[in-house]
Amino acid sequence: MCPYGPMLIEEIKSKVSGIKGIKEVEVEVTFDPPWEPSEQLRATLGV
């Protein structure tokens, strides 16, 4: 549900497509296992 998700996927595709010899890029997003932020990151984000 991250609003940055679709933009991140397009940015990855764009950067990888710019590499010589790369003709097609497929990005697969998975949520298994679920990501859990570290305690340090939680403190930084205030969550």
Protein backbone atom coordinates (compact mmCIF):
# COMPACT_ATOMS: atom_id res chain seq x y z
CA MET A 1 0.00 0.00 0.00
CA CYS A 2 3.02 2.24 -0.23
CA PRO A 3 2.30 5.16 -2.57
CA TYR A 4 5.94 5.09 -3.67
CA GLY A 5 5.71 1.44 -4.84
CA PRO A 6 4.64 1.99 -8.48
CA MET A 7 7.09 4.87 -8.89
CA LEU A 8 9.92 2.71 -7.50
CA ILE A 9 9.13 -0.09 -9.96
CA GLU A 10 9.20 2.30 -12.92
CA GLU A 11 12.48 3.83 -11.72
CA ILE A 12 14.07 0.37 -11.48
CA LYS A 13 12.86 -0.55 -14.97
CA SER A 14 14.17 2.71 -16.39
CA LYS A 15 17.63 2.37 -14.82
CA VAL A 16 18.08 -1.29 -15.74
CA SER A 17 16.81 -0.71 -19.30
CA GLY A 18 19.62 1.82 -19.71
CA ILE A 19 22.27 -0.89 -19.29
CA LYS A 20 23.83 -1.95 -22.58
CA GLY A 21 22.53 -5.33 -23.72
CA ILE A 22 19.35 -5.26 -21.62
CA LYS A 23 16.30 -5.50 -23.85
CA GLU A 24 13.51 -6.29 -21.42
CA VAL A 25 12.99 -5.74 -17.70
CA GLU A 26 10.44 -7.39 -15.44
CA VAL A 27 10.16 -6.37 -11.80
CA GLU A 28 8.35 -8.66 -9.37
CA VAL A 29 7.33 -7.33 -5.98
CA THR A 30 6.73 -9.77 -3.16
CA PHE A 31 5.51 -9.36 0.37
CA ASP A 32 6.60 -12.78 1.60
CA PRO A 33 8.32 -12.65 3.95
CA PRO A 34 6.89 -9.34 5.13
CA TRP A 35 9.39 -6.55 5.65
CA GLU A 36 9.87 -5.38 9.20
CA PRO A 37 11.86 -2.20 9.89
CA SER A 38 14.70 -2.35 12.40
CA GLU A 39 14.34 -0.69 15.79
CA GLN A 40 16.78 2.01 14.63
CA LEU A 41 14.65 2.77 11.57
CA ARG A 42 11.48 2.81 13.66
CA ALA A 43 13.09 5.34 15.98
CA THR A 44 14.23 7.45 13.02
CA LEU A 45 10.73 7.43 11.52
CA GLY A 46 9.06 7.94 14.89
CA VAL A 47 6.91 4.82 14.69
